[in-house]
Amino acid sequence: MHTRTQWVSTALVGLFVVLAVVYVLGQYGPPEPPQPPTPPQQQTGVAVLTATLTVAQEIPPPAMATPPTAKGAAVLLFDPTTNTLNFTLAYAGLSGAAVAAHFHEGAVGVAGPVVQTICGPQNQNPLLGACSTSNSGFLTGTWAVPAGLVPTLLNGGLYLNVHTQLNPAGEIRGQINIP
């Protein structure tokens, strides 16, 4: 039996996946900002975070051959009672297949170290295994955030990026923020 918190988290993840798809595919423009949490979320303390990934945010700048249409969007739900972060990252229009995706620690405009691999080589202990062999896709999973990184996450100090063969340092990047 699912608890009310699990049901609400699952419903929100589903809603935000749909919004991320619409945004990434560009059919209707960017999603509306998430609405304030409903009373059950306020009781559980679940935080909704988002990230918009673009070529322009990547440090160092990607290769000139990177398509200007490369982009991504992520919706993340953080549960402070368990330090778990449920996430869905959608990306499209990359120069080639994603070879890795990561959570990094770093301020806006600053390249920082990888704190968790989402997908990529096995020697990086990815949460989801190898990345898709396509230049677009979805990455959905759960990360147990180390306690020392929780304040960094909640204060905009982490970012997501997706790497390709053409841009091994990263092709698109987006800072994780509470909207």
Protein backbone atom coordinates (compact mmCIF):
# COMPACT_ATOMS: atom_id res chain seq x y z
CA MET A 1 0.00 0.00 0.00
CA HIS A 2 1.35 3.40 -0.93
CA THR A 3 1.42 6.15 1.61
CA ARG A 4 -0.14 9.48 0.84
CA THR A 5 3.33 11.00 0.45
CA GLN A 6 4.32 8.33 -2.10
CA TRP A 7 1.11 8.90 -4.04
CA VAL A 8 1.59 12.67 -4.09
CA SER A 9 5.26 12.29 -5.11
CA THR A 10 4.34 9.86 -7.89
CA ALA A 11 1.57 12.14 -9.16
CA LEU A 12 3.88 15.17 -9.16
CA VAL A 13 6.66 13.30 -10.96
CA GLY A 14 4.15 12.24 -13.63
CA LEU A 15 2.86 15.79 -14.03
CA PHE A 16 6.32 17.26 -14.30
CA VAL A 17 7.46 14.58 -16.77
CA VAL A 18 4.64 15.66 -19.07
CA LEU A 19 5.60 19.33 -18.63
CA ALA A 20 9.26 18.55 -19.32
CA VAL A 21 8.35 16.67 -22.52
CA VAL A 22 6.24 19.55 -23.77
CA TYR A 23 9.04 22.00 -23.03
CA VAL A 24 11.84 19.92 -24.57
CA LEU A 25 9.91 19.19 -27.73
CA GLY A 26 9.04 22.88 -28.04
CA GLN A 27 5.44 22.24 -28.95
CA TYR A 28 3.92 24.74 -26.55
CA GLY A 29 6.87 26.73 -25.19
CA PRO A 30 8.27 26.55 -21.67
CA PRO A 31 6.12 25.04 -18.94
CA GLU A 32 4.29 27.26 -16.52
CA PRO A 33 6.13 27.61 -13.22
CA PRO A 34 5.11 24.95 -10.72
CA GLN A 35 2.27 26.00 -8.45
CA PRO A 36 2.84 26.29 -4.71
CA PRO A 37 2.77 22.93 -2.96
CA THR A 38 -0.58 21.55 -1.96
CA PRO A 39 -1.22 21.18 1.78
CA PRO A 40 -0.11 17.50 1.88
CA GLN A 41 3.29 18.51 0.44
CA GLN A 42 3.68 21.28 2.96
CA GLN A 43 3.11 18.75 5.71
CA THR A 44 5.80 16.41 4.36
CA GLY A 45 8.28 19.14 3.45
CA VAL A 46 8.83 17.87 -0.10
CA ALA A 47 10.68 20.49 -2.18
CA VAL A 48 10.08 20.87 -5.92
CA LEU A 49 13.16 21.91 -7.90
CA THR A 50 13.70 22.53 -11.61
CA ALA A 51 16.53 23.03 -14.08
CA THR A 52 16.55 24.29 -17.65
CA LEU A 53 19.59 23.00 -19.55
CA THR A 54 21.07 25.05 -22.40
CA VAL A 55 24.27 25.21 -24.42
CA ALA A 56 24.93 28.78 -23.22
CA GLN A 57 25.24 27.72 -19.56
CA GLU A 58 27.93 25.07 -20.18
CA ILE A 59 31.43 25.87 -18.85
CA PRO A 60 33.74 25.59 -20.77
CA PRO A 61 31.68 26.53 -23.83
CA PRO A 62 30.86 23.58 -26.12
CA ALA A 63 32.30 23.11 -29.61
CA MET A 64 31.06 25.37 -32.39
CA ALA A 65 29.41 22.37 -34.08
CA THR A 66 26.95 22.01 -31.20
CA PRO A 67 23.40 22.52 -32.44
CA PRO A 68 21.89 25.68 -30.96
CA THR A 69 18.69 23.65 -30.49
CA ALA A 70 20.31 21.35 -27.90
CA LYS A 71 18.33 21.74 -24.68
CA GLY A 72 16.88 19.98 -21.70
CA ALA A 73 14.59 20.35 -18.72
CA ALA A 74 14.48 18.61 -15.36
CA VAL A 75 12.01 18.36 -12.54
CA LEU A 76 13.23 17.10 -9.19
CA LEU A 77 11.41 16.29 -5.93
CA PHE A 78 13.49 16.33 -2.75
CA ASP A 79 12.21 14.61 0.39
CA PRO A 80 14.14 15.96 3.41
CA THR A 81 12.92 13.18 5.67
CA THR A 82 14.85 10.61 3.61
CA ASN A 83 17.29 12.87 1.69
CA THR A 84 16.05 11.32 -1.54
CA LEU A 85 15.86 13.22 -4.79
CA ASN A 86 13.48 11.87 -7.42
CA PHE A 87 14.30 13.32 -10.81
CA THR A 88 13.32 13.29 -14.45
CA LEU A 89 15.64 14.91 -16.97
CA ALA A 90 14.51 15.26 -20.59
CA TYR A 91 16.96 16.33 -23.29
CA ALA A 92 16.81 16.76 -27.07
CA GLY A 93 18.74 18.04 -30.07
CA LEU A 94 22.22 17.08 -28.89
CA SER A 95 25.11 16.82 -31.37
CA GLY A 96 25.11 13.05 -30.84
CA ALA A 97 24.23 10.42 -28.29
CA ALA A 98 24.59 11.31 -24.63
CA VAL A 99 27.68 9.58 -23.25
CA ALA A 100 27.22 10.76 -19.65
CA ALA A 101 24.99 12.91 -17.46
CA HIS A 102 25.91 14.15 -13.99
CA PHE A 103 25.00 16.13 -10.93
CA HIS A 104 27.84 18.63 -10.30
CA GLU A 105 28.59 20.94 -7.41
CA GLY A 106 29.15 24.51 -8.55
CA ALA A 107 27.71 28.00 -8.71
CA VAL A 108 26.26 29.55 -11.85
CA GLY A 109 29.05 30.08 -14.39
CA VAL A 110 31.55 27.89 -12.52
CA ALA A 111 32.62 24.38 -13.56
CA GLY A 112 32.52 22.07 -10.57
CA PRO A 113 33.24 18.47 -9.65
CA VAL A 114 30.88 15.58 -10.34
CA VAL A 115 29.02 14.56 -7.19
CA GLN A 116 26.87 11.84 -8.78
CA THR A 117 26.79 10.23 -12.23
CA ILE A 118 23.28 9.77 -13.60
CA CYS A 119 24.20 7.72 -16.67
CA GLY A 120 27.55 6.88 -18.20
CA PRO A 121 30.50 4.53 -17.92
CA GLN A 122 30.27 1.83 -15.27
CA ASN A 123 33.50 3.00 -13.60
CA GLN A 124 31.60 6.18 -12.61
CA ASN A 125 28.92 4.17 -10.70
CA PRO A 126 25.98 5.64 -12.62
CA LEU A 127 22.54 5.59 -11.03
CA LEU A 128 20.92 4.45 -14.30
CA GLY A 129 23.68 2.54 -16.11
CA ALA A 130 24.73 3.47 -19.64
CA CYS A 131 23.13 6.44 -21.40
CA SER A 132 20.74 6.13 -24.33
CA THR A 133 22.25 5.80 -27.79
CA SER A 134 20.11 8.68 -29.01
CA ASN A 135 20.57 12.44 -29.08
CA SER A 136 17.32 12.81 -27.10
CA GLY A 137 15.79 10.99 -24.20
CA PHE A 138 14.62 10.84 -20.62
CA LEU A 139 16.56 10.02 -17.47
CA THR A 140 14.38 9.16 -14.48
CA GLY A 141 15.66 7.93 -11.16
CA THR A 142 16.27 8.46 -7.47
CA TRP A 143 19.44 9.68 -5.77
CA ALA A 144 20.15 9.40 -2.05
CA VAL A 145 21.71 12.84 -1.54
CA PRO A 146 24.56 12.83 0.98
CA ALA A 147 23.61 14.89 4.04
CA GLY A 148 26.50 17.30 3.48
CA LEU A 149 25.17 18.21 0.00
CA VAL A 150 21.57 18.90 1.06
CA PRO A 151 22.14 22.61 1.88
CA THR A 152 24.06 22.99 -1.40
CA LEU A 153 21.18 21.41 -3.34
CA LEU A 154 18.52 23.55 -1.69
CA ASN A 155 20.53 26.76 -2.18
CA GLY A 156 21.17 26.40 -5.93
CA GLY A 157 24.71 25.05 -5.66
CA LEU A 158 24.23 21.96 -7.83
CA TYR A 159 23.76 21.70 -11.57
CA LEU A 160 23.00 19.03 -14.16
CA ASN A 161 24.81 18.52 -17.41
CA VAL A 162 24.78 16.11 -20.33
CA HIS A 163 27.96 15.12 -22.19
CA THR A 164 28.40 13.95 -25.80
CA GLN A 165 31.31 12.61 -27.84
CA LEU A 166 31.71 16.06 -29.48
CA ASN A 167 31.59 17.78 -26.07
CA PRO A 168 33.13 15.43 -23.48
CA ALA A 169 33.23 18.25 -20.88
CA GLY A 170 29.49 18.83 -21.34
CA GLU A 171 27.11 20.02 -24.04
CA ILE A 172 24.13 21.36 -22.05
CA ARG A 173 23.92 22.49 -18.45
CA GLY A 174 21.30 23.76 -16.05
CA GLN A 175 21.45 25.02 -12.47
CA ILE A 176 19.05 23.26 -10.06
CA ASN A 177 16.80 25.78 -8.33
CA ILE A 178 13.62 26.02 -6.31
CA PRO A 179 11.23 27.93 -8.59
